[in-house]
Amino acid sequence: MKKSFIQLHVAVFLAGFTGPFGRLINLNEGLLVWYRLLITVSTMWLLYYFTKRLQPVGWRDILKLSAVGLLSALHWVSFYGSIKNSNVSVALVCFSSVGFFTALFEPVLGKKRINRTELFLGLLTIAGIYIIFHFDPKYKTGIMLGVLCALLLSFSIILLRGFIQRINPETALTYQLSGAFMYLTLLMPVYLHYFPTDYLVPDLSDWIWLLILGWFCSVLAFQLTGYSLKKLSAFTVNLNFNLEPVYGIIIAFILFGENKELGWSFFTGLALIASSLIFHAILLIRQERRLK
């Protein structure tokens, strides 16, 4: 259990850089995700093939994992769209609502009772986002895209966890993200028709950020997350991923000075979200002591 938590928090720390990198990369959100997936998927196939980490998988599982990949691709596009339409801090705070959606939908999909405590902690996060949304209407589009990205991620994590119980994380993630790349490639002509841009090929600076994003914040972070899902519930993983906004916001404050752009409503909402993390940590500690 402790090893799983360490793996999870290293993954969360690496994921904290994805938001700031999204602002540093000049591509629009669709192309940014396409190039990120290109690097990530190519690296996974090469790395896991030569290290013999890929196990045989039936066609049904491949198709299902590919479908989960579509949700992941749309999650990333909406996440970076949120950043482009607001800023890193607002997008990451909205991302925190993934805990609420998981608490709501994991019991439904898993056919078990809703955990009222988990639902309450998720509602604290929603309350924090509402305060920001209500008092900072200039971030309206970014907030809506941020909440959408959290909803999509929630379903992705819940569905992926079922596969990782019987397929090793490297194999499951490789097929999932291959599906994400395939679907996004098919959708890209339509996307570029409605969101045209002249900047199609990254420059040297963007390539550097994309490689770091693909290798460390994607391949390594996803592998560690996959291992943690073997021992931890989807809700625990998602709620702990609320630390991603904390890391990302601190980085955004340092790099971009976003703290000067944000008012009291943002920090009030952030305080509610942080409180949900603290309560959840206390509950986990008590639960582990009872098991001992």
C-alpha atoms as a PDB file:
ATOM      1  CA  MET A   1       0.000   0.000   0.000  1.00  0.00           C
ATOM      2  CA  LYS A   2       2.775   2.479   0.911  1.00  0.00           C
ATOM      3  CA  LYS A   3       4.642   1.722  -2.322  1.00  0.00           C
ATOM      4  CA  SER A   4       1.455   2.417  -4.286  1.00  0.00           C
ATOM      5  CA  PHE A   5       1.054   5.798  -2.564  1.00  0.00           C
ATOM      6  CA  ILE A   6       4.665   6.732  -3.339  1.00  0.00           C
ATOM      7  CA  GLN A   7       4.206   5.771  -6.987  1.00  0.00           C
ATOM      8  CA  LEU A   8       0.972   7.750  -7.115  1.00  0.00           C
ATOM      9  CA  HIS A   9       2.459  10.925  -5.651  1.00  0.00           C
ATOM     10  CA  VAL A  10       5.499  10.856  -7.947  1.00  0.00           C
ATOM     11  CA  ALA A  11       3.053  10.584 -10.852  1.00  0.00           C
ATOM     12  CA  VAL A  12       0.997  13.465  -9.448  1.00  0.00           C
ATOM     13  CA  PHE A  13       4.097  15.649  -9.080  1.00  0.00           C
ATOM     14  CA  LEU A  14       5.105  14.990 -12.697  1.00  0.00           C
ATOM     15  CA  ALA A  15       1.533  15.652 -13.837  1.00  0.00           C
ATOM     16  CA  GLY A  16       1.705  19.028 -12.086  1.00  0.00           C
ATOM     17  CA  PHE A  17       3.947  20.264 -14.895  1.00  0.00           C
ATOM     18  CA  THR A  18       1.453  19.473 -17.682  1.00  0.00           C
ATOM     19  CA  GLY A  19      -0.515  22.691 -17.187  1.00  0.00           C
ATOM     20  CA  PRO A  20       2.462  25.074 -17.272  1.00  0.00           C
ATOM     21  CA  PHE A  21       3.891  23.239 -20.288  1.00  0.00           C
ATOM     22  CA  GLY A  22       0.529  23.741 -22.007  1.00  0.00           C
ATOM     23  CA  ARG A  23       0.944  27.478 -21.645  1.00  0.00           C
ATOM     24  CA  LEU A  24       4.580  27.405 -22.780  1.00  0.00           C
ATOM     25  CA  ILE A  25       3.738  25.478 -25.986  1.00  0.00           C
ATOM     26  CA  ASN A  26       2.373  27.760 -28.710  1.00  0.00           C
ATOM     27  CA  LEU A  27       0.320  25.139 -30.576  1.00  0.00           C
ATOM     28  CA  ASN A  28      -3.471  25.205 -30.222  1.00  0.00           C
ATOM     29  CA  GLU A  29      -4.966  22.610 -27.868  1.00  0.00           C
ATOM     30  CA  GLY A  30      -5.850  20.046 -30.566  1.00  0.00           C
ATOM     31  CA  LEU A  31      -2.417  19.981 -32.188  1.00  0.00           C
ATOM     32  CA  LEU A  32      -0.688  20.106 -28.810  1.00  0.00           C
ATOM     33  CA  VAL A  33      -2.480  16.919 -27.750  1.00  0.00           C
ATOM     34  CA  TRP A  34      -1.854  15.252 -31.135  1.00  0.00           C
ATOM     35  CA  TYR A  35       1.904  15.827 -30.937  1.00  0.00           C
ATOM     36  CA  ARG A  36       1.951  14.800 -27.269  1.00  0.00           C
ATOM     37  CA  LEU A  37       0.219  11.535 -28.135  1.00  0.00           C
ATOM     38  CA  LEU A  38       2.537  10.968 -31.111  1.00  0.00           C
ATOM     39  CA  ILE A  39       5.580  11.189 -28.835  1.00  0.00           C
ATOM     40  CA  THR A  40       3.999   9.230 -25.985  1.00  0.00           C
ATOM     41  CA  VAL A  41       2.616   6.356 -28.061  1.00  0.00           C
ATOM     42  CA  SER A  42       5.811   5.976 -30.152  1.00  0.00           C
ATOM     43  CA  THR A  43       7.909   5.879 -26.983  1.00  0.00           C
ATOM     44  CA  MET A  44       5.620   3.334 -25.305  1.00  0.00           C
ATOM     45  CA  TRP A  45       5.646   0.916 -28.230  1.00  0.00           C
ATOM     46  CA  LEU A  46       9.437   1.053 -28.572  1.00  0.00           C
ATOM     47  CA  LEU A  47      10.185   0.947 -24.846  1.00  0.00           C
ATOM     48  CA  TYR A  48       7.714  -1.746 -23.851  1.00  0.00           C
ATOM     49  CA  TYR A  49       8.332  -3.914 -26.930  1.00  0.00           C
ATOM     50  CA  PHE A  50      12.077  -4.155 -26.386  1.00  0.00           C
ATOM     51  CA  THR A  51      11.699  -4.622 -22.613  1.00  0.00           C
ATOM     52  CA  LYS A  52       9.036  -7.292 -23.297  1.00  0.00           C
ATOM     53  CA  ARG A  53       6.429  -5.580 -21.121  1.00  0.00           C
ATOM     54  CA  LEU A  54       3.618  -5.934 -23.682  1.00  0.00           C
ATOM     55  CA  GLN A  55       1.430  -8.971 -23.107  1.00  0.00           C
ATOM     56  CA  PRO A  56      -0.984 -10.589 -25.602  1.00  0.00           C
ATOM     57  CA  VAL A  57      -4.439  -8.956 -25.579  1.00  0.00           C
ATOM     58  CA  GLY A  58      -7.654 -10.050 -27.297  1.00  0.00           C
ATOM     59  CA  TRP A  59      -9.320  -7.889 -29.941  1.00  0.00           C
ATOM     60  CA  ARG A  60     -12.287  -7.132 -27.708  1.00  0.00           C
ATOM     61  CA  ASP A  61     -10.036  -5.673 -25.038  1.00  0.00           C
ATOM     62  CA  ILE A  62      -8.079  -3.705 -27.662  1.00  0.00           C
ATOM     63  CA  LEU A  63     -11.288  -2.148 -29.009  1.00  0.00           C
ATOM     64  CA  LYS A  64     -12.547  -1.341 -25.515  1.00  0.00           C
ATOM     65  CA  LEU A  65      -9.223   0.200 -24.466  1.00  0.00           C
ATOM     66  CA  SER A  66      -9.215   2.237 -27.664  1.00  0.00           C
ATOM     67  CA  ALA A  67     -12.648   3.575 -26.761  1.00  0.00           C
ATOM     68  CA  VAL A  68     -11.319   4.607 -23.351  1.00  0.00           C
ATOM     69  CA  GLY A  69      -8.504   6.272 -25.280  1.00  0.00           C
ATOM     70  CA  LEU A  70     -11.022   8.450 -27.111  1.00  0.00           C
ATOM     71  CA  LEU A  71     -12.239   9.759 -23.742  1.00  0.00           C
ATOM     72  CA  SER A  72      -8.615  10.436 -22.756  1.00  0.00           C
ATOM     73  CA  ALA A  73      -7.938  12.363 -25.973  1.00  0.00           C
ATOM     74  CA  LEU A  74     -11.037  14.526 -25.491  1.00  0.00           C
ATOM     75  CA  HIS A  75     -10.023  15.048 -21.852  1.00  0.00           C
ATOM     76  CA  TRP A  76      -6.633  16.418 -22.882  1.00  0.00           C
ATOM     77  CA  VAL A  77      -8.067  18.658 -25.600  1.00  0.00           C
ATOM     78  CA  SER A  78     -10.604  20.171 -23.195  1.00  0.00           C
ATOM     79  CA  PHE A  79      -7.919  20.548 -20.501  1.00  0.00           C
ATOM     80  CA  TYR A  80      -5.552  22.515 -22.732  1.00  0.00           C
ATOM     81  CA  GLY A  81      -8.532  24.380 -24.181  1.00  0.00           C
ATOM     82  CA  SER A  82      -9.346  25.455 -20.632  1.00  0.00           C
ATOM     83  CA  ILE A  83      -5.793  26.772 -20.190  1.00  0.00           C
ATOM     84  CA  LYS A  84      -5.883  28.664 -23.486  1.00  0.00           C
ATOM     85  CA  ASN A  85      -9.254  30.241 -22.592  1.00  0.00           C
ATOM     86  CA  SER A  86      -8.387  31.192 -18.999  1.00  0.00           C
ATOM     87  CA  ASN A  87      -5.050  30.396 -17.377  1.00  0.00           C
ATOM     88  CA  VAL A  88      -3.200  27.471 -15.828  1.00  0.00           C
ATOM     89  CA  SER A  89      -4.489  28.062 -12.301  1.00  0.00           C
ATOM     90  CA  VAL A  90      -8.188  28.211 -13.207  1.00  0.00           C
ATOM     91  CA  ALA A  91      -7.929  25.149 -15.478  1.00  0.00           C
ATOM     92  CA  LEU A  92      -6.214  23.120 -12.760  1.00  0.00           C
ATOM     93  CA  VAL A  93      -8.729  24.074 -10.086  1.00  0.00           C
ATOM     94  CA  CYS A  94     -11.587  22.935 -12.346  1.00  0.00           C
ATOM     95  CA  PHE A  95      -9.676  19.727 -12.968  1.00  0.00           C
ATOM     96  CA  SER A  96     -10.083  19.005  -9.247  1.00  0.00           C
ATOM     97  CA  SER A  97     -13.787  18.251  -9.747  1.00  0.00           C
ATOM     98  CA  VAL A  98     -12.708  14.809 -10.991  1.00  0.00           C
ATOM     99  CA  GLY A  99     -13.076  13.600  -7.375  1.00  0.00           C
ATOM    100  CA  PHE A 100     -16.760  14.546  -7.320  1.00  0.00           C
ATOM    101  CA  PHE A 101     -17.533  12.859 -10.627  1.00  0.00           C
ATOM    102  CA  THR A 102     -15.688   9.709  -9.584  1.00  0.00           C
ATOM    103  CA  ALA A 103     -17.534   9.506  -6.274  1.00  0.00           C
ATOM    104  CA  LEU A 104     -20.781   9.865  -8.205  1.00  0.00           C
ATOM    105  CA  PHE A 105     -20.185   7.499 -11.132  1.00  0.00           C
ATOM    106  CA  GLU A 106     -17.785   4.815  -9.833  1.00  0.00           C
ATOM    107  CA  PRO A 107     -20.472   3.216  -7.597  1.00  0.00           C
ATOM    108  CA  VAL A 108     -22.974   3.297 -10.487  1.00  0.00           C
ATOM    109  CA  LEU A 109     -20.612   1.615 -12.954  1.00  0.00           C
ATOM    110  CA  GLY A 110     -19.297  -0.760 -10.279  1.00  0.00           C
ATOM    111  CA  LYS A 111     -22.801  -1.557  -9.017  1.00  0.00           C
ATOM    112  CA  LYS A 112     -22.093  -0.687  -5.404  1.00  0.00           C
ATOM    113  CA  ARG A 113     -23.428   1.803  -2.866  1.00  0.00           C
ATOM    114  CA  ILE A 114     -22.418   5.456  -3.075  1.00  0.00           C
ATOM    115  CA  ASN A 115     -19.950   6.427  -0.361  1.00  0.00           C
ATOM    116  CA  ARG A 116     -21.477   9.509   1.255  1.00  0.00           C
ATOM    117  CA  THR A 117     -18.151  10.726   2.647  1.00  0.00           C
ATOM    118  CA  GLU A 118     -16.487  10.576  -0.761  1.00  0.00           C
ATOM    119  CA  LEU A 119     -19.470  12.348  -2.309  1.00  0.00           C
ATOM    120  CA  PHE A 120     -19.296  15.090   0.336  1.00  0.00           C
ATOM    121  CA  LEU A 121     -15.574  15.629  -0.297  1.00  0.00           C
ATOM    122  CA  GLY A 122     -16.266  15.831  -4.015  1.00  0.00           C
ATOM    123  CA  LEU A 123     -19.020  18.391  -3.388  1.00  0.00           C
ATOM    124  CA  LEU A 124     -16.531  20.570  -1.481  1.00  0.00           C
ATOM    125  CA  THR A 125     -14.493  20.731  -4.659  1.00  0.00           C
ATOM    126  CA  ILE A 126     -17.560  21.639  -6.734  1.00  0.00           C
ATOM    127  CA  ALA A 127     -18.404  24.375  -4.212  1.00  0.00           C
ATOM    128  CA  GLY A 128     -14.898  25.798  -4.618  1.00  0.00           C
ATOM    129  CA  ILE A 129     -15.250  25.849  -8.400  1.00  0.00           C
ATOM    130  CA  TYR A 130     -18.692  27.486  -8.132  1.00  0.00           C
ATOM    131  CA  ILE A 131     -17.287  30.328  -6.037  1.00  0.00           C
ATOM    132  CA  ILE A 132     -14.640  31.015  -8.676  1.00  0.00           C
ATOM    133  CA  PHE A 133     -17.174  30.707 -11.526  1.00  0.00           C
ATOM    134  CA  HIS A 134     -19.744  32.958  -9.849  1.00  0.00           C
ATOM    135  CA  PHE A 135     -17.428  35.812  -8.966  1.00  0.00           C
ATOM    136  CA  ASP A 136     -15.000  35.613 -11.940  1.00  0.00           C
ATOM    137  CA  PRO A 137     -17.254  35.409 -15.061  1.00  0.00           C
ATOM    138  CA  LYS A 138     -14.338  36.297 -17.364  1.00  0.00           C
ATOM    139  CA  TYR A 139     -13.140  32.701 -16.951  1.00  0.00           C
ATOM    140  CA  LYS A 140     -16.515  31.217 -17.959  1.00  0.00           C
ATOM    141  CA  THR A 141     -15.366  29.316 -21.079  1.00  0.00           C
ATOM    142  CA  GLY A 142     -12.179  28.094 -19.418  1.00  0.00           C
ATOM    143  CA  ILE A 143     -14.116  26.859 -16.376  1.00  0.00           C
ATOM    144  CA  MET A 144     -16.675  24.958 -18.456  1.00  0.00           C
ATOM    145  CA  LEU A 145     -13.911  23.257 -20.452  1.00  0.00           C
ATOM    146  CA  GLY A 146     -12.050  22.488 -17.211  1.00  0.00           C
ATOM    147  CA  VAL A 147     -15.083  20.785 -15.660  1.00  0.00           C
ATOM    148  CA  LEU A 148     -15.673  18.855 -18.896  1.00  0.00           C
ATOM    149  CA  CYS A 149     -12.058  17.630 -18.835  1.00  0.00           C
ATOM    150  CA  ALA A 150     -12.551  16.403 -15.248  1.00  0.00           C
ATOM    151  CA  LEU A 151     -15.741  14.542 -16.190  1.00  0.00           C
ATOM    152  CA  LEU A 152     -13.998  12.797 -19.091  1.00  0.00           C
ATOM    153  CA  LEU A 153     -10.988  11.884 -16.947  1.00  0.00           C
ATOM    154  CA  SER A 154     -13.239  10.433 -14.269  1.00  0.00           C
ATOM    155  CA  PHE A 155     -14.794   7.970 -16.715  1.00  0.00           C
ATOM    156  CA  SER A 156     -11.378   7.164 -18.190  1.00  0.00           C
ATOM    157  CA  ILE A 157      -9.880   6.260 -14.799  1.00  0.00           C
ATOM    158  CA  ILE A 158     -12.909   4.228 -13.701  1.00  0.00           C
ATOM    159  CA  LEU A 159     -12.982   2.207 -16.926  1.00  0.00           C
ATOM    160  CA  LEU A 160      -9.207   1.783 -17.112  1.00  0.00           C
ATOM    161  CA  ARG A 161      -9.038   0.396 -13.577  1.00  0.00           C
ATOM    162  CA  GLY A 162     -11.101  -2.609 -14.648  1.00  0.00           C
ATOM    163  CA  PHE A 163      -8.543  -3.531 -17.307  1.00  0.00           C
ATOM    164  CA  ILE A 164      -5.500  -3.002 -15.080  1.00  0.00           C
ATOM    165  CA  GLN A 165      -6.781  -5.633 -12.647  1.00  0.00           C
ATOM    166  CA  ARG A 166      -6.027  -8.312 -15.305  1.00  0.00           C
ATOM    167  CA  ILE A 167      -3.699  -6.607 -17.834  1.00  0.00           C
ATOM    168  CA  ASN A 168      -0.351  -5.090 -16.865  1.00  0.00           C
ATOM    169  CA  PRO A 169      -0.345  -1.251 -16.828  1.00  0.00           C
ATOM    170  CA  GLU A 170       2.156  -0.936 -19.712  1.00  0.00           C
ATOM    171  CA  THR A 171      -0.027  -2.975 -22.062  1.00  0.00           C
ATOM    172  CA  ALA A 172      -3.304  -1.350 -21.042  1.00  0.00           C
ATOM    173  CA  LEU A 173      -1.935   2.191 -21.301  1.00  0.00           C
ATOM    174  CA  THR A 174      -0.205   1.511 -24.631  1.00  0.00           C
ATOM    175  CA  TYR A 175      -3.423   0.322 -26.271  1.00  0.00           C
ATOM    176  CA  GLN A 176      -5.485   3.026 -24.558  1.00  0.00           C
ATOM    177  CA  LEU A 177      -3.262   5.873 -25.765  1.00  0.00           C
ATOM    178  CA  SER A 178      -2.815   4.277 -29.197  1.00  0.00           C
ATOM    179  CA  GLY A 179      -6.593   4.452 -29.478  1.00  0.00           C
ATOM    180  CA  ALA A 180      -6.505   8.062 -28.336  1.00  0.00           C
ATOM    181  CA  PHE A 181      -3.959   8.902 -31.039  1.00  0.00           C
ATOM    182  CA  MET A 182      -5.898   7.042 -33.724  1.00  0.00           C
ATOM    183  CA  TYR A 183      -9.235   8.708 -32.932  1.00  0.00           C
ATOM    184  CA  LEU A 184      -7.711  12.163 -32.611  1.00  0.00           C
ATOM    185  CA  THR A 185      -5.925  11.725 -35.965  1.00  0.00           C
ATOM    186  CA  LEU A 186      -9.272  10.868 -37.589  1.00  0.00           C
ATOM    187  CA  LEU A 187     -10.957  13.867 -35.945  1.00  0.00           C
ATOM    188  CA  MET A 188      -8.142  16.338 -36.663  1.00  0.00           C
ATOM    189  CA  PRO A 189      -9.329  17.439 -40.158  1.00  0.00           C
ATOM    190  CA  VAL A 190     -12.741  18.317 -38.714  1.00  0.00           C
ATOM    191  CA  TYR A 191     -11.132  20.031 -35.729  1.00  0.00           C
ATOM    192  CA  LEU A 192      -8.840  22.154 -37.898  1.00  0.00           C
ATOM    193  CA  HIS A 193     -11.785  23.081 -40.119  1.00  0.00           C
ATOM    194  CA  TYR A 194     -13.624  24.639 -37.171  1.00  0.00           C
ATOM    195  CA  PHE A 195     -10.486  25.856 -35.363  1.00  0.00           C
ATOM    196  CA  PRO A 196      -8.068  26.799 -38.164  1.00  0.00           C
ATOM    197  CA  THR A 197      -4.462  27.769 -37.446  1.00  0.00           C
ATOM    198  CA  ASP A 198      -1.374  28.555 -39.537  1.00  0.00           C
ATOM    199  CA  TYR A 199       0.957  27.188 -36.852  1.00  0.00           C
ATOM    200  CA  LEU A 200       0.931  23.460 -37.639  1.00  0.00           C
ATOM    201  CA  VAL A 201       4.545  22.368 -37.037  1.00  0.00           C
ATOM    202  CA  PRO A 202       6.242  23.025 -33.666  1.00  0.00           C
ATOM    203  CA  ASP A 203       9.429  25.077 -33.546  1.00  0.00           C
ATOM    204  CA  LEU A 204      12.527  23.925 -31.642  1.00  0.00           C
ATOM    205  CA  SER A 205      11.350  25.361 -28.314  1.00  0.00           C
ATOM    206  CA  ASP A 206       7.961  23.657 -28.608  1.00  0.00           C
ATOM    207  CA  TRP A 207       9.595  20.342 -29.527  1.00  0.00           C
ATOM    208  CA  ILE A 208      11.693  20.457 -26.342  1.00  0.00           C
ATOM    209  CA  TRP A 209       8.630  21.066 -24.155  1.00  0.00           C
ATOM    210  CA  LEU A 210       6.648  18.411 -26.052  1.00  0.00           C
ATOM    211  CA  LEU A 211       9.377  15.794 -25.527  1.00  0.00           C
ATOM    212  CA  ILE A 212       9.529  16.504 -21.797  1.00  0.00           C
ATOM    213  CA  LEU A 213       5.730  16.421 -21.670  1.00  0.00           C
ATOM    214  CA  GLY A 214       5.596  13.124 -23.567  1.00  0.00           C
ATOM    215  CA  TRP A 215       8.411  11.279 -21.813  1.00  0.00           C
ATOM    216  CA  PHE A 216       8.165  12.371 -18.192  1.00  0.00           C
ATOM    217  CA  CYS A 217       4.658  13.783 -17.697  1.00  0.00           C
ATOM    218  CA  SER A 218       3.052  11.075 -19.844  1.00  0.00           C
ATOM    219  CA  VAL A 219       4.963   7.786 -20.190  1.00  0.00           C
ATOM    220  CA  LEU A 220       6.521   7.745 -16.722  1.00  0.00           C
ATOM    221  CA  ALA A 221       3.559   9.344 -14.929  1.00  0.00           C
ATOM    222  CA  PHE A 222       1.020   7.021 -16.571  1.00  0.00           C
ATOM    223  CA  GLN A 223       3.032   3.926 -15.762  1.00  0.00           C
ATOM    224  CA  LEU A 224       3.262   4.911 -12.096  1.00  0.00           C
ATOM    225  CA  THR A 225      -0.461   5.727 -12.017  1.00  0.00           C
ATOM    226  CA  GLY A 226      -1.249   2.353 -13.535  1.00  0.00           C
ATOM    227  CA  TYR A 227       0.732   0.531 -10.840  1.00  0.00           C
ATOM    228  CA  SER A 228      -1.021   2.525  -8.102  1.00  0.00           C
ATOM    229  CA  LEU A 229      -4.445   1.576  -9.523  1.00  0.00           C
ATOM    230  CA  LYS A 230      -3.662  -2.078  -8.773  1.00  0.00           C
ATOM    231  CA  LYS A 231      -3.859  -1.394  -5.025  1.00  0.00           C
ATOM    232  CA  LEU A 232      -5.831   1.857  -4.690  1.00  0.00           C
ATOM    233  CA  SER A 233      -9.416   2.712  -5.642  1.00  0.00           C
ATOM    234  CA  ALA A 234     -10.173   4.988  -8.608  1.00  0.00           C
ATOM    235  CA  PHE A 235     -11.594   7.568  -6.186  1.00  0.00           C
ATOM    236  CA  THR A 236      -8.410   7.574  -4.095  1.00  0.00           C
ATOM    237  CA  VAL A 237      -6.266   7.989  -7.207  1.00  0.00           C
ATOM    238  CA  ASN A 238      -8.455  10.757  -8.606  1.00  0.00           C
ATOM    239  CA  LEU A 239      -8.782  12.652  -5.344  1.00  0.00           C
ATOM    240  CA  ASN A 240      -5.036  12.522  -4.761  1.00  0.00           C
ATOM    241  CA  PHE A 241      -4.609  13.849  -8.276  1.00  0.00           C
ATOM    242  CA  ASN A 242      -6.149  17.020  -6.832  1.00  0.00           C
ATOM    243  CA  LEU A 243      -2.577  17.683  -5.703  1.00  0.00           C
ATOM    244  CA  GLU A 244      -1.766  18.167  -9.397  1.00  0.00           C
ATOM    245  CA  PRO A 245      -3.457  21.595  -9.331  1.00  0.00           C
ATOM    246  CA  VAL A 246      -1.532  22.487  -6.173  1.00  0.00           C
ATOM    247  CA  TYR A 247       1.806  21.709  -7.823  1.00  0.00           C
ATOM    248  CA  GLY A 248       0.734  23.229 -11.125  1.00  0.00           C
ATOM    249  CA  ILE A 249      -0.606  26.419  -9.548  1.00  0.00           C
ATOM    250  CA  ILE A 250       2.604  26.944  -7.555  1.00  0.00           C
ATOM    251  CA  ILE A 251       4.627  26.482 -10.755  1.00  0.00           C
ATOM    252  CA  ALA A 252       2.308  28.887 -12.633  1.00  0.00           C
ATOM    253  CA  PHE A 253       2.669  31.467  -9.867  1.00  0.00           C
ATOM    254  CA  ILE A 254       6.473  31.216 -10.105  1.00  0.00           C
ATOM    255  CA  LEU A 255       6.781  31.138 -13.899  1.00  0.00           C
ATOM    256  CA  PHE A 256       3.908  33.358 -15.036  1.00  0.00           C
ATOM    257  CA  GLY A 257       2.964  35.427 -11.986  1.00  0.00           C
ATOM    258  CA  GLU A 258      -0.652  34.256 -12.232  1.00  0.00           C
ATOM    259  CA  ASN A 259      -1.253  35.073  -8.568  1.00  0.00           C
ATOM    260  CA  LYS A 260      -1.432  38.734  -9.659  1.00  0.00           C
ATOM    261  CA  GLU A 261      -4.309  37.919 -12.055  1.00  0.00           C
ATOM    262  CA  LEU A 262      -6.490  36.133  -9.489  1.00  0.00           C
ATOM    263  CA  GLY A 263      -8.837  37.593  -6.887  1.00  0.00           C
ATOM    264  CA  TRP A 264     -10.190  36.543  -3.503  1.00  0.00           C
ATOM    265  CA  SER A 265     -12.790  34.192  -5.030  1.00  0.00           C
ATOM    266  CA  PHE A 266     -10.075  32.017  -6.565  1.00  0.00           C
ATOM    267  CA  PHE A 267      -8.221  31.591  -3.280  1.00  0.00           C
ATOM    268  CA  THR A 268     -11.471  30.961  -1.374  1.00  0.00           C
ATOM    269  CA  GLY A 269     -12.381  28.217  -3.836  1.00  0.00           C
ATOM    270  CA  LEU A 270      -8.871  26.804  -3.662  1.00  0.00           C
ATOM    271  CA  ALA A 271      -9.121  26.666   0.148  1.00  0.00           C
ATOM    272  CA  LEU A 272     -12.286  24.521  -0.081  1.00  0.00           C
ATOM    273  CA  ILE A 273     -10.593  22.145  -2.503  1.00  0.00           C
ATOM    274  CA  ALA A 274      -7.523  21.889  -0.272  1.00  0.00           C
ATOM    275  CA  SER A 275      -9.746  21.072   2.716  1.00  0.00           C
ATOM    276  CA  SER A 276     -11.220  18.102   0.834  1.00  0.00           C
ATOM    277  CA  LEU A 277      -7.693  16.759   0.348  1.00  0.00           C
ATOM    278  CA  ILE A 278      -6.862  17.144   4.032  1.00  0.00           C
ATOM    279  CA  PHE A 279     -10.064  15.383   5.142  1.00  0.00           C
ATOM    280  CA  HIS A 280      -9.444  12.557   2.704  1.00  0.00           C
ATOM    281  CA  ALA A 281      -5.866  12.094   3.900  1.00  0.00           C
ATOM    282  CA  ILE A 282      -7.101  11.849   7.514  1.00  0.00           C
ATOM    283  CA  LEU A 283      -9.702   9.242   6.521  1.00  0.00           C
ATOM    284  CA  LEU A 284      -7.108   7.158   4.686  1.00  0.00           C
ATOM    285  CA  ILE A 285      -4.745   7.210   7.676  1.00  0.00           C
ATOM    286  CA  ARG A 286      -7.541   6.082  10.009  1.00  0.00           C
ATOM    287  CA  GLN A 287      -8.582   3.355   7.590  1.00  0.00           C
ATOM    288  CA  GLU A 288      -5.015   2.031   7.332  1.00  0.00           C
ATOM    289  CA  ARG A 289      -4.686   1.968  11.133  1.00  0.00           C
ATOM    290  CA  ARG A 290      -7.923  -0.028  11.442  1.00  0.00           C
ATOM    291  CA  LEU A 291      -6.631  -2.582   8.918  1.00  0.00           C
ATOM    292  CA  LYS A 292      -3.480  -3.056  11.003  1.00  0.00           C
END
